[in-house]
Amino acid sequence: MLQELRAELSLSDTRQAIRDRMREFSDDGEKTRSPRESADFAWRIVQNVLAEELAELNEGLAIDAQLTETDRLALPDGSQAIDVAYRNHKFSIVRSKDRRTLALIDPSAGRLPIERVGSKLFIAGEPVASALIAAIERLIQRATAGVLSDPPVNPQYMTLEIFTSSAAKVEAALNLEHENGFRFVESYKSKSPLKRVFLFERIR
């Protein structure tokens, strides 16, 4: 019996390893694709991973208890979005009008850029699959605040958009590590050439 259990666990681990590998963003045609074509590929990866995670989380739940996904592929300003909702709360995956920029918009964490680093896709520096799971977890926490007895979990990441010309503000942001338990991770370009987005991770 123990041997059978070990074999089943080993098989489960193998399946998970294969699944994780298949999730990786491997763009073999990177050098021949235009920026828009690469963004198309990234958009499809995000759609597929999100659909996979929602299907697993919703399995066995009543319809009115499930997470919902709504594709808005022709917004008035020309952009696109995927809304993930639960009890009137949501987060969104958005794609800009020029189809070249992707981001996750989360009321708890702000605007998190979706970018390729090497051959893989990341959301604010975190692998796409785990970042989407974290966004879903934050969504459920917001939607059930005051309903569950467990205390709220502090967000793991925080972003600040700051004018780079303001040295005092930049210095104050970087001091968050010492004052509020955040560690500076990296910064990203903002839509405004005068600003940058600073990403922090909670360390305690």
N, C-alpha and C. Protein backbone atom coordinates (compact mmCIF):
# COMPACT_ATOMS: atom_id res chain seq x y z
N MET A 1 0.84 -1.21 0.00
CA MET A 1 0.00 0.00 0.00
C MET A 1 0.87 1.26 0.00
N LEU A 2 1.91 1.25 0.87
CA LEU A 2 2.81 2.40 0.93
C LEU A 2 3.54 2.59 -0.40
N GLN A 3 3.92 1.47 -1.01
CA GLN A 3 4.61 1.54 -2.30
C GLN A 3 3.70 2.15 -3.36
N GLU A 4 2.43 1.75 -3.35
CA GLU A 4 1.48 2.29 -4.31
C GLU A 4 1.29 3.80 -4.10
N LEU A 5 1.24 4.20 -2.83
CA LEU A 5 1.07 5.62 -2.53
C LEU A 5 2.28 6.42 -3.02
N ARG A 6 3.48 5.89 -2.78
CA ARG A 6 4.69 6.57 -3.24
C ARG A 6 4.70 6.69 -4.76
N ALA A 7 4.27 5.64 -5.44
CA ALA A 7 4.22 5.68 -6.91
C ALA A 7 3.25 6.73 -7.40
N GLU A 8 2.10 6.84 -6.72
CA GLU A 8 1.10 7.83 -7.11
C GLU A 8 1.61 9.25 -6.87
N LEU A 9 2.29 9.46 -5.73
CA LEU A 9 2.86 10.76 -5.44
C LEU A 9 3.93 11.14 -6.45
N SER A 10 4.74 10.15 -6.84
CA SER A 10 5.78 10.39 -7.83
C SER A 10 5.17 10.77 -9.17
N LEU A 11 4.09 10.08 -9.54
CA LEU A 11 3.40 10.38 -10.79
C LEU A 11 2.80 11.78 -10.75
N SER A 12 2.23 12.14 -9.58
CA SER A 12 1.66 13.47 -9.42
C SER A 12 2.72 14.55 -9.55
N ASP A 13 3.90 14.30 -8.94
CA ASP A 13 5.01 15.26 -9.04
C ASP A 13 5.46 15.41 -10.48
N THR A 14 5.49 14.30 -11.21
CA THR A 14 5.90 14.34 -12.62
C THR A 14 4.92 15.15 -13.45
N ARG A 15 3.63 14.92 -13.20
CA ARG A 15 2.60 15.69 -13.92
C ARG A 15 2.77 17.18 -13.65
N GLN A 16 3.00 17.52 -12.36
CA GLN A 16 3.14 18.93 -12.00
C GLN A 16 4.37 19.54 -12.66
N ALA A 17 5.46 18.80 -12.73
CA ALA A 17 6.67 19.30 -13.37
C ALA A 17 6.44 19.55 -14.85
N ILE A 18 5.72 18.62 -15.50
CA ILE A 18 5.41 18.80 -16.92
C ILE A 18 4.51 20.01 -17.11
N ARG A 19 3.52 20.15 -16.23
CA ARG A 19 2.58 21.27 -16.31
C ARG A 19 3.30 22.61 -16.15
N ASP A 20 4.20 22.67 -15.16
CA ASP A 20 4.95 23.90 -14.94
C ASP A 20 5.83 24.22 -16.15
N ARG A 21 6.43 23.19 -16.72
CA ARG A 21 7.29 23.39 -17.88
C ARG A 21 6.49 23.91 -19.07
N MET A 22 5.30 23.37 -19.27
CA MET A 22 4.46 23.78 -20.39
C MET A 22 3.97 25.21 -20.23
N ARG A 23 3.92 25.67 -18.96
CA ARG A 23 3.47 27.03 -18.71
C ARG A 23 4.52 28.07 -19.09
N GLU A 24 5.77 27.66 -19.15
CA GLU A 24 6.84 28.61 -19.37
C GLU A 24 6.66 29.33 -20.70
N PHE A 25 7.07 30.55 -20.71
CA PHE A 25 6.96 31.37 -21.90
C PHE A 25 8.22 31.18 -22.71
N SER A 26 8.15 30.34 -23.73
CA SER A 26 9.31 30.05 -24.56
C SER A 26 9.02 30.53 -25.97
N ASP A 27 9.59 31.67 -26.32
CA ASP A 27 9.32 32.29 -27.62
C ASP A 27 10.49 32.00 -28.55
N ASP A 28 10.43 30.85 -29.25
CA ASP A 28 11.53 30.47 -30.13
C ASP A 28 11.65 31.39 -31.33
N GLY A 29 10.54 32.06 -31.68
CA GLY A 29 10.57 32.96 -32.84
C GLY A 29 10.82 34.39 -32.46
N GLU A 30 11.40 34.60 -31.27
CA GLU A 30 11.57 35.95 -30.72
C GLU A 30 12.27 36.88 -31.69
N LYS A 31 13.34 36.41 -32.32
CA LYS A 31 14.15 37.29 -33.17
C LYS A 31 13.46 37.67 -34.46
N THR A 32 12.47 36.88 -34.88
CA THR A 32 11.79 37.17 -36.14
C THR A 32 10.44 37.82 -35.94
N ARG A 33 9.94 37.88 -34.72
CA ARG A 33 8.64 38.47 -34.45
C ARG A 33 8.76 39.97 -34.21
N SER A 34 7.73 40.70 -34.65
CA SER A 34 7.65 42.12 -34.34
C SER A 34 7.21 42.28 -32.89
N PRO A 35 7.38 43.48 -32.29
CA PRO A 35 6.91 43.68 -30.91
C PRO A 35 5.43 43.34 -30.75
N ARG A 36 4.61 43.67 -31.75
CA ARG A 36 3.19 43.37 -31.63
C ARG A 36 2.94 41.86 -31.69
N GLU A 37 3.68 41.16 -32.54
CA GLU A 37 3.51 39.70 -32.62
C GLU A 37 3.95 39.03 -31.31
N SER A 38 5.01 39.54 -30.71
CA SER A 38 5.44 39.00 -29.42
C SER A 38 4.39 39.26 -28.35
N ALA A 39 3.77 40.45 -28.40
CA ALA A 39 2.70 40.77 -27.44
C ALA A 39 1.49 39.87 -27.67
N ASP A 40 1.19 39.56 -28.94
CA ASP A 40 0.10 38.62 -29.26
C ASP A 40 0.36 37.28 -28.57
N PHE A 41 1.61 36.82 -28.68
CA PHE A 41 1.97 35.53 -28.12
C PHE A 41 1.84 35.56 -26.59
N ALA A 42 2.32 36.66 -25.98
CA ALA A 42 2.22 36.79 -24.52
C ALA A 42 0.77 36.85 -24.07
N TRP A 43 -0.08 37.55 -24.82
CA TRP A 43 -1.51 37.66 -24.51
C TRP A 43 -2.16 36.28 -24.48
N ARG A 44 -1.82 35.45 -25.48
CA ARG A 44 -2.39 34.10 -25.53
C ARG A 44 -1.91 33.25 -24.35
N ILE A 45 -0.64 33.39 -23.97
CA ILE A 45 -0.12 32.64 -22.83
C ILE A 45 -0.88 33.01 -21.56
N VAL A 46 -1.07 34.31 -21.33
CA VAL A 46 -1.80 34.76 -20.14
C VAL A 46 -3.23 34.23 -20.16
N GLN A 47 -3.89 34.31 -21.31
CA GLN A 47 -5.27 33.80 -21.42
C GLN A 47 -5.33 32.32 -21.06
N ASN A 48 -4.40 31.54 -21.60
CA ASN A 48 -4.43 30.10 -21.38
C ASN A 48 -4.15 29.73 -19.92
N VAL A 49 -3.14 30.38 -19.32
CA VAL A 49 -2.81 30.08 -17.92
C VAL A 49 -3.96 30.49 -17.02
N LEU A 50 -4.55 31.66 -17.28
CA LEU A 50 -5.67 32.13 -16.47
C LEU A 50 -6.86 31.18 -16.57
N ALA A 51 -7.19 30.75 -17.79
CA ALA A 51 -8.31 29.83 -17.98
C ALA A 51 -8.06 28.51 -17.25
N GLU A 52 -6.82 28.05 -17.28
CA GLU A 52 -6.47 26.79 -16.61
C GLU A 52 -6.65 26.91 -15.10
N GLU A 53 -6.16 28.02 -14.52
CA GLU A 53 -6.27 28.20 -13.08
C GLU A 53 -7.72 28.37 -12.64
N LEU A 54 -8.51 29.14 -13.40
CA LEU A 54 -9.91 29.35 -13.02
C LEU A 54 -10.69 28.04 -13.10
N ALA A 55 -10.40 27.22 -14.10
CA ALA A 55 -11.10 25.94 -14.24
C ALA A 55 -10.83 25.06 -13.01
N GLU A 56 -9.58 25.06 -12.55
CA GLU A 56 -9.25 24.24 -11.37
C GLU A 56 -9.91 24.78 -10.11
N LEU A 57 -9.88 26.11 -9.94
CA LEU A 57 -10.45 26.70 -8.73
C LEU A 57 -11.97 26.58 -8.69
N ASN A 58 -12.62 26.63 -9.85
CA ASN A 58 -14.08 26.58 -9.91
C ASN A 58 -14.64 25.16 -9.87
N GLU A 59 -13.78 24.18 -10.05
CA GLU A 59 -14.25 22.79 -10.13
C GLU A 59 -15.02 22.39 -8.87
N GLY A 60 -16.22 21.90 -9.06
CA GLY A 60 -17.04 21.42 -7.96
C GLY A 60 -17.83 22.48 -7.24
N LEU A 61 -17.69 23.76 -7.62
CA LEU A 61 -18.43 24.83 -6.97
C LEU A 61 -19.73 25.14 -7.72
N ALA A 62 -20.74 25.59 -6.98
CA ALA A 62 -21.98 26.02 -7.62
C ALA A 62 -21.69 27.23 -8.51
N ILE A 63 -22.53 27.42 -9.53
CA ILE A 63 -22.31 28.50 -10.49
C ILE A 63 -22.19 29.86 -9.81
N ASP A 64 -23.05 30.12 -8.83
CA ASP A 64 -23.04 31.44 -8.18
C ASP A 64 -21.89 31.59 -7.19
N ALA A 65 -21.10 30.55 -6.99
CA ALA A 65 -19.95 30.63 -6.10
C ALA A 65 -18.63 30.66 -6.86
N GLN A 66 -18.70 30.65 -8.18
CA GLN A 66 -17.49 30.55 -8.99
C GLN A 66 -16.91 31.92 -9.35
N LEU A 67 -15.61 31.91 -9.59
CA LEU A 67 -14.95 33.06 -10.20
C LEU A 67 -15.40 33.16 -11.65
N THR A 68 -15.57 34.37 -12.15
CA THR A 68 -16.00 34.55 -13.53
C THR A 68 -14.93 35.28 -14.34
N GLU A 69 -14.91 35.00 -15.61
CA GLU A 69 -13.97 35.64 -16.53
C GLU A 69 -14.75 36.28 -17.67
N THR A 70 -14.50 37.54 -17.93
CA THR A 70 -15.19 38.26 -19.01
C THR A 70 -14.15 38.87 -19.94
N ASP A 71 -14.21 38.49 -21.21
CA ASP A 71 -13.30 39.06 -22.21
C ASP A 71 -13.93 40.32 -22.80
N ARG A 72 -13.19 41.41 -22.74
CA ARG A 72 -13.63 42.67 -23.37
C ARG A 72 -12.58 43.02 -24.42
N LEU A 73 -12.79 42.53 -25.62
CA LEU A 73 -11.75 42.59 -26.65
C LEU A 73 -11.91 43.76 -27.60
N ALA A 74 -12.88 44.63 -27.37
CA ALA A 74 -13.06 45.80 -28.24
C ALA A 74 -13.58 46.97 -27.42
N LEU A 75 -12.74 47.49 -26.53
CA LEU A 75 -13.13 48.63 -25.71
C LEU A 75 -13.16 49.91 -26.53
N PRO A 76 -13.92 50.92 -26.09
CA PRO A 76 -14.07 52.16 -26.87
C PRO A 76 -12.75 52.83 -27.24
N ASP A 77 -11.75 52.74 -26.37
CA ASP A 77 -10.48 53.40 -26.68
C ASP A 77 -9.54 52.53 -27.49
N GLY A 78 -10.01 51.35 -27.90
CA GLY A 78 -9.19 50.48 -28.73
C GLY A 78 -8.38 49.46 -27.96
N SER A 79 -8.39 49.55 -26.64
CA SER A 79 -7.64 48.59 -25.83
C SER A 79 -8.46 47.32 -25.61
N GLN A 80 -7.86 46.34 -24.94
CA GLN A 80 -8.53 45.08 -24.64
C GLN A 80 -8.37 44.76 -23.16
N ALA A 81 -9.25 43.93 -22.63
CA ALA A 81 -9.15 43.57 -21.22
C ALA A 81 -9.81 42.22 -20.96
N ILE A 82 -9.31 41.55 -19.95
CA ILE A 82 -9.95 40.35 -19.40
C ILE A 82 -10.22 40.64 -17.94
N ASP A 83 -11.48 40.61 -17.54
CA ASP A 83 -11.86 40.88 -16.15
C ASP A 83 -12.11 39.56 -15.43
N VAL A 84 -11.49 39.41 -14.27
CA VAL A 84 -11.74 38.26 -13.40
C VAL A 84 -12.47 38.79 -12.18
N ALA A 85 -13.67 38.26 -11.92
CA ALA A 85 -14.52 38.85 -10.88
C ALA A 85 -15.02 37.80 -9.89
N TYR A 86 -15.30 38.30 -8.67
CA TYR A 86 -15.90 37.49 -7.61
C TYR A 86 -16.63 38.43 -6.66
N ARG A 87 -17.93 38.23 -6.50
CA ARG A 87 -18.74 39.06 -5.59
C ARG A 87 -18.54 40.56 -5.81
N ASN A 88 -18.68 40.99 -7.05
CA ASN A 88 -18.61 42.41 -7.42
C ASN A 88 -17.23 43.04 -7.26
N HIS A 89 -16.21 42.23 -7.02
CA HIS A 89 -14.84 42.71 -7.01
C HIS A 89 -14.12 42.09 -8.20
N LYS A 90 -13.07 42.75 -8.68
CA LYS A 90 -12.40 42.22 -9.86
C LYS A 90 -10.95 42.69 -9.94
N PHE A 91 -10.18 42.02 -10.79
CA PHE A 91 -8.92 42.54 -11.30
C PHE A 91 -8.94 42.31 -12.80
N SER A 92 -8.06 42.98 -13.52
CA SER A 92 -8.11 42.92 -14.98
C SER A 92 -6.72 42.72 -15.58
N ILE A 93 -6.68 41.99 -16.67
CA ILE A 93 -5.51 41.92 -17.54
C ILE A 93 -5.82 42.84 -18.71
N VAL A 94 -4.98 43.84 -18.94
CA VAL A 94 -5.28 44.82 -19.99
C VAL A 94 -4.17 44.84 -21.04
N ARG A 95 -4.60 45.21 -22.23
CA ARG A 95 -3.67 45.35 -23.36
C ARG A 95 -3.91 46.71 -23.99
N SER A 96 -2.85 47.45 -24.21
CA SER A 96 -2.97 48.83 -24.68
C SER A 96 -3.52 48.92 -26.10
N LYS A 97 -3.91 50.12 -26.47
CA LYS A 97 -4.48 50.37 -27.79
C LYS A 97 -3.55 49.95 -28.91
N ASP A 98 -2.25 50.16 -28.75
CA ASP A 98 -1.30 49.78 -29.80
C ASP A 98 -0.96 48.29 -29.77
N ARG A 99 -1.55 47.55 -28.82
CA ARG A 99 -1.42 46.08 -28.72
C ARG A 99 -0.01 45.63 -28.34
N ARG A 100 0.82 46.53 -27.83
CA ARG A 100 2.20 46.17 -27.53
C ARG A 100 2.50 46.04 -26.03
N THR A 101 1.62 46.55 -25.19
CA THR A 101 1.87 46.59 -23.75
C THR A 101 0.78 45.85 -22.99
N LEU A 102 1.19 44.98 -22.06
CA LEU A 102 0.25 44.23 -21.23
C LEU A 102 0.50 44.58 -19.76
N ALA A 103 -0.57 44.55 -18.96
CA ALA A 103 -0.43 44.81 -17.52
C ALA A 103 -1.57 44.15 -16.77
N LEU A 104 -1.34 43.88 -15.49
CA LEU A 104 -2.39 43.40 -14.59
C LEU A 104 -2.79 44.58 -13.71
N ILE A 105 -4.08 44.94 -13.72
CA ILE A 105 -4.58 46.04 -12.92
C ILE A 105 -5.30 45.47 -11.71
N ASP A 106 -4.75 45.73 -10.53
CA ASP A 106 -5.25 45.13 -9.29
C ASP A 106 -5.46 46.24 -8.26
N PRO A 107 -6.69 46.41 -7.74
CA PRO A 107 -6.92 47.45 -6.73
C PRO A 107 -6.04 47.30 -5.50
N SER A 108 -5.60 46.08 -5.21
CA SER A 108 -4.76 45.85 -4.03
C SER A 108 -3.29 46.14 -4.28
N ALA A 109 -2.84 45.93 -5.51
CA ALA A 109 -1.40 46.01 -5.80
C ALA A 109 -1.04 47.06 -6.84
N GLY A 110 -2.04 47.66 -7.49
CA GLY A 110 -1.76 48.67 -8.49
C GLY A 110 -1.62 48.08 -9.89
N ARG A 111 -0.89 48.80 -10.73
CA ARG A 111 -0.66 48.37 -12.11
C ARG A 111 0.65 47.60 -12.18
N LEU A 112 0.58 46.31 -12.50
CA LEU A 112 1.75 45.45 -12.54
C LEU A 112 2.08 45.12 -13.99
N PRO A 113 3.24 45.51 -14.48
CA PRO A 113 3.59 45.26 -15.88
C PRO A 113 3.79 43.78 -16.17
N ILE A 114 3.36 43.36 -17.35
CA ILE A 114 3.58 41.99 -17.83
C ILE A 114 4.66 42.06 -18.89
N GLU A 115 5.80 41.45 -18.60
CA GLU A 115 6.96 41.60 -19.46
C GLU A 115 7.69 40.28 -19.62
N ARG A 116 8.43 40.18 -20.70
CA ARG A 116 9.26 39.01 -20.91
C ARG A 116 10.65 39.30 -20.37
N VAL A 117 11.19 38.34 -19.63
CA VAL A 117 12.56 38.40 -19.16
C VAL A 117 13.24 37.14 -19.66
N GLY A 118 14.16 37.28 -20.58
CA GLY A 118 14.75 36.12 -21.22
C GLY A 118 13.70 35.40 -22.04
N SER A 119 13.49 34.13 -21.75
CA SER A 119 12.53 33.34 -22.51
C SER A 119 11.22 33.12 -21.78
N LYS A 120 11.02 33.81 -20.63
CA LYS A 120 9.82 33.56 -19.83
C LYS A 120 9.04 34.84 -19.62
N LEU A 121 7.78 34.67 -19.25
CA LEU A 121 6.88 35.79 -19.03
C LEU A 121 6.70 36.02 -17.54
N PHE A 122 6.79 37.29 -17.11
CA PHE A 122 6.67 37.65 -15.71
C PHE A 122 5.66 38.77 -15.52
N ILE A 123 5.03 38.79 -14.34
CA ILE A 123 4.15 39.89 -13.95
C ILE A 123 4.80 40.57 -12.75
N ALA A 124 5.32 41.78 -12.98
CA ALA A 124 6.04 42.52 -11.94
C ALA A 124 7.13 41.68 -11.30
N GLY A 125 7.88 40.97 -12.12
CA GLY A 125 9.01 40.19 -11.63
C GLY A 125 8.68 38.81 -11.11
N GLU A 126 7.39 38.43 -11.11
CA GLU A 126 6.99 37.11 -10.60
C GLU A 126 6.51 36.25 -11.77
N PRO A 127 6.86 34.96 -11.81
CA PRO A 127 6.40 34.09 -12.90
C PRO A 127 4.90 34.19 -13.10
N VAL A 128 4.48 34.13 -14.36
CA VAL A 128 3.09 34.45 -14.71
C VAL A 128 2.07 33.61 -13.95
N ALA A 129 2.30 32.30 -13.82
CA ALA A 129 1.32 31.44 -13.16
C ALA A 129 1.15 31.80 -11.68
N SER A 130 2.26 31.93 -10.95
CA SER A 130 2.15 32.24 -9.53
C SER A 130 1.64 33.66 -9.31
N ALA A 131 1.95 34.57 -10.23
CA ALA A 131 1.45 35.95 -10.11
C ALA A 131 -0.06 35.99 -10.29
N LEU A 132 -0.60 35.19 -11.21
CA LEU A 132 -2.05 35.15 -11.41
C LEU A 132 -2.75 34.53 -10.20
N ILE A 133 -2.15 33.48 -9.65
CA ILE A 133 -2.72 32.87 -8.44
C ILE A 133 -2.74 33.88 -7.29
N ALA A 134 -1.66 34.66 -7.16
CA ALA A 134 -1.60 35.67 -6.10
C ALA A 134 -2.67 36.73 -6.31
N ALA A 135 -2.91 37.12 -7.58
CA ALA A 135 -3.95 38.11 -7.88
C ALA A 135 -5.33 37.57 -7.54
N ILE A 136 -5.57 36.28 -7.83
CA ILE A 136 -6.85 35.66 -7.50
C ILE A 136 -7.03 35.60 -5.98
N GLU A 137 -5.94 35.29 -5.27
CA GLU A 137 -6.01 35.24 -3.80
C GLU A 137 -6.36 36.61 -3.23
N ARG A 138 -5.75 37.67 -3.77
CA ARG A 138 -6.07 39.02 -3.30
C ARG A 138 -7.52 39.37 -3.60
N LEU A 139 -8.01 38.94 -4.76
CA LEU A 139 -9.40 39.18 -5.15
C LEU A 139 -10.36 38.53 -4.15
N ILE A 140 -10.11 37.28 -3.81
CA ILE A 140 -10.97 36.56 -2.86
C ILE A 140 -10.93 37.22 -1.49
N GLN A 141 -9.75 37.67 -1.07
CA GLN A 141 -9.63 38.34 0.22
C GLN A 141 -10.43 39.63 0.26
N ARG A 142 -10.39 40.41 -0.85
CA ARG A 142 -11.17 41.65 -0.89
C ARG A 142 -12.66 41.34 -0.87
N ALA A 143 -13.06 40.34 -1.65
CA ALA A 143 -14.48 40.04 -1.78
C ALA A 143 -15.09 39.45 -0.52
N THR A 144 -14.26 38.80 0.28
CA THR A 144 -14.78 38.14 1.49
C THR A 144 -14.37 38.87 2.76
N ALA A 145 -13.85 40.07 2.64
CA ALA A 145 -13.46 40.84 3.83
C ALA A 145 -14.67 41.03 4.73
N GLY A 146 -14.51 40.70 6.00
CA GLY A 146 -15.61 40.82 6.95
C GLY A 146 -16.51 39.60 6.98
N VAL A 147 -16.28 38.67 6.02
CA VAL A 147 -17.10 37.46 5.97
C VAL A 147 -16.36 36.32 6.66
N LEU A 148 -15.07 36.18 6.34
CA LEU A 148 -14.28 35.12 6.94
C LEU A 148 -13.68 35.60 8.26
N SER A 149 -13.41 34.68 9.15
CA SER A 149 -12.88 35.05 10.46
C SER A 149 -11.37 35.22 10.45
N ASP A 150 -10.69 34.72 9.40
CA ASP A 150 -9.24 34.83 9.36
C ASP A 150 -8.82 36.28 9.16
N PRO A 151 -7.75 36.74 9.79
CA PRO A 151 -7.29 38.11 9.60
C PRO A 151 -6.79 38.31 8.17
N PRO A 152 -6.91 39.52 7.62
CA PRO A 152 -6.45 39.77 6.26
C PRO A 152 -4.94 39.60 6.15
N VAL A 153 -4.52 39.13 4.98
CA VAL A 153 -3.10 38.94 4.73
C VAL A 153 -2.54 40.20 4.05
N ASN A 154 -1.44 40.70 4.57
CA ASN A 154 -0.85 41.88 3.96
C ASN A 154 -0.39 41.57 2.54
N PRO A 155 -0.57 42.50 1.60
CA PRO A 155 -0.13 42.24 0.23
C PRO A 155 1.38 42.02 0.18
N GLN A 156 1.81 41.09 -0.66
CA GLN A 156 3.23 40.76 -0.74
C GLN A 156 4.00 41.81 -1.51
N TYR A 157 3.34 42.42 -2.50
CA TYR A 157 4.01 43.40 -3.34
C TYR A 157 3.29 44.74 -3.30
N MET A 158 4.02 45.80 -3.55
CA MET A 158 3.45 47.13 -3.62
C MET A 158 4.17 47.91 -4.71
N THR A 159 3.44 48.72 -5.47
CA THR A 159 4.06 49.56 -6.50
C THR A 159 3.76 51.02 -6.23
N LEU A 160 4.73 51.87 -6.54
CA LEU A 160 4.58 53.31 -6.44
C LEU A 160 5.05 53.95 -7.73
N GLU A 161 4.26 54.86 -8.27
CA GLU A 161 4.66 55.60 -9.46
C GLU A 161 5.12 56.99 -9.02
N ILE A 162 6.37 57.33 -9.31
CA ILE A 162 6.99 58.52 -8.74
C ILE A 162 7.66 59.35 -9.84
N PHE A 163 7.56 60.69 -9.71
CA PHE A 163 8.32 61.58 -10.59
C PHE A 163 9.81 61.41 -10.28
N THR A 164 10.60 61.04 -11.29
CA THR A 164 12.02 60.80 -11.06
C THR A 164 12.78 62.09 -10.77
N SER A 165 12.18 63.23 -11.09
CA SER A 165 12.84 64.50 -10.81
C SER A 165 12.79 64.86 -9.33
N SER A 166 11.93 64.17 -8.57
CA SER A 166 11.81 64.46 -7.14
C SER A 166 12.70 63.51 -6.35
N ALA A 167 13.92 63.95 -6.09
CA ALA A 167 14.88 63.10 -5.39
C ALA A 167 14.38 62.73 -4.00
N ALA A 168 13.69 63.66 -3.34
CA ALA A 168 13.21 63.40 -1.99
C ALA A 168 12.19 62.27 -1.98
N LYS A 169 11.28 62.26 -2.97
CA LYS A 169 10.27 61.21 -3.03
C LYS A 169 10.89 59.85 -3.34
N VAL A 170 11.86 59.86 -4.26
CA VAL A 170 12.54 58.61 -4.60
C VAL A 170 13.27 58.06 -3.37
N GLU A 171 13.95 58.93 -2.67
CA GLU A 171 14.68 58.51 -1.47
C GLU A 171 13.72 57.98 -0.40
N ALA A 172 12.58 58.67 -0.23
CA ALA A 172 11.59 58.22 0.75
C ALA A 172 11.05 56.84 0.38
N ALA A 173 10.82 56.62 -0.93
CA ALA A 173 10.32 55.32 -1.39
C ALA A 173 11.33 54.22 -1.10
N LEU A 174 12.59 54.50 -1.37
CA LEU A 174 13.62 53.48 -1.15
C LEU A 174 13.81 53.19 0.34
N ASN A 175 13.46 54.14 1.19
CA ASN A 175 13.57 53.94 2.64
C ASN A 175 12.43 53.11 3.21
N LEU A 176 11.47 52.72 2.36
CA LEU A 176 10.37 51.87 2.83
C LEU A 176 10.89 50.57 3.43
N GLU A 177 12.03 50.12 2.93
CA GLU A 177 12.61 48.86 3.43
C GLU A 177 12.86 48.96 4.93
N HIS A 178 13.32 50.12 5.37
CA HIS A 178 13.67 50.28 6.77
C HIS A 178 12.46 50.69 7.62
N GLU A 179 11.53 51.44 7.02
CA GLU A 179 10.45 52.01 7.80
C GLU A 179 9.21 51.11 7.89
N ASN A 180 8.90 50.40 6.81
CA ASN A 180 7.65 49.64 6.77
C ASN A 180 7.80 48.18 6.37
N GLY A 181 9.03 47.69 6.34
CA GLY A 181 9.22 46.27 6.06
C GLY A 181 9.10 45.89 4.60
N PHE A 182 9.43 46.81 3.67
CA PHE A 182 9.41 46.49 2.25
C PHE A 182 10.83 46.50 1.70
N ARG A 183 11.08 45.63 0.74
CA ARG A 183 12.37 45.57 0.06
C ARG A 183 12.21 46.04 -1.37
N PHE A 184 13.04 46.98 -1.80
CA PHE A 184 13.00 47.44 -3.19
C PHE A 184 13.44 46.30 -4.11
N VAL A 185 12.64 46.03 -5.16
CA VAL A 185 12.96 44.96 -6.10
C VAL A 185 13.55 45.54 -7.38
N GLU A 186 12.80 46.38 -8.06
CA GLU A 186 13.27 47.01 -9.29
C GLU A 186 12.29 48.09 -9.71
N SER A 187 12.65 48.84 -10.74
CA SER A 187 11.76 49.88 -11.24
C SER A 187 11.53 49.68 -12.73
N TYR A 188 10.38 50.20 -13.19
CA TYR A 188 9.97 50.04 -14.58
C TYR A 188 9.66 51.41 -15.17
N LYS A 189 9.73 51.50 -16.48
CA LYS A 189 9.32 52.71 -17.17
C LYS A 189 7.82 52.91 -17.00
N SER A 190 7.41 54.15 -16.85
CA SER A 190 6.00 54.49 -16.78
C SER A 190 5.55 54.99 -18.14
N LYS A 191 4.24 55.17 -18.31
CA LYS A 191 3.75 55.76 -19.55
C LYS A 191 4.27 57.18 -19.72
N SER A 192 4.45 57.87 -18.59
CA SER A 192 4.99 59.22 -18.61
C SER A 192 6.52 59.16 -18.59
N PRO A 193 7.20 59.86 -19.48
CA PRO A 193 8.67 59.84 -19.48
C PRO A 193 9.27 60.47 -18.24
N LEU A 194 8.44 61.17 -17.46
CA LEU A 194 8.92 61.84 -16.26
C LEU A 194 8.80 60.97 -15.01
N LYS A 195 8.19 59.79 -15.15
CA LYS A 195 7.94 58.95 -13.99
C LYS A 195 8.53 57.55 -14.17
N ARG A 196 8.68 56.84 -13.05
CA ARG A 196 9.01 55.43 -13.06
C ARG A 196 8.16 54.72 -12.02
N VAL A 197 7.91 53.44 -12.24
CA VAL A 197 7.16 52.61 -11.30
C VAL A 197 8.15 51.81 -10.48
N PHE A 198 8.07 51.94 -9.15
CA PHE A 198 8.97 51.23 -8.25
C PHE A 198 8.21 50.06 -7.62
N LEU A 199 8.81 48.88 -7.71
CA LEU A 199 8.20 47.66 -7.18
C LEU A 199 8.90 47.27 -5.88
N PHE A 200 8.08 47.00 -4.83
CA PHE A 200 8.61 46.61 -3.51
C PHE A 200 7.98 45.28 -3.10
N GLU A 201 8.74 44.50 -2.33
CA GLU A 201 8.26 43.22 -1.79
C GLU A 201 8.28 43.30 -0.26
N ARG A 202 7.20 42.85 0.37
CA ARG A 202 7.13 42.85 1.83
C ARG A 202 8.08 41.78 2.37
N ILE A 203 8.89 42.15 3.34
CA ILE A 203 9.87 41.21 3.87
C ILE A 203 9.55 40.78 5.30
N ARG A 204 8.50 41.33 5.90
CA ARG A 204 8.09 40.87 7.24
C ARG A 204 6.63 41.21 7.47
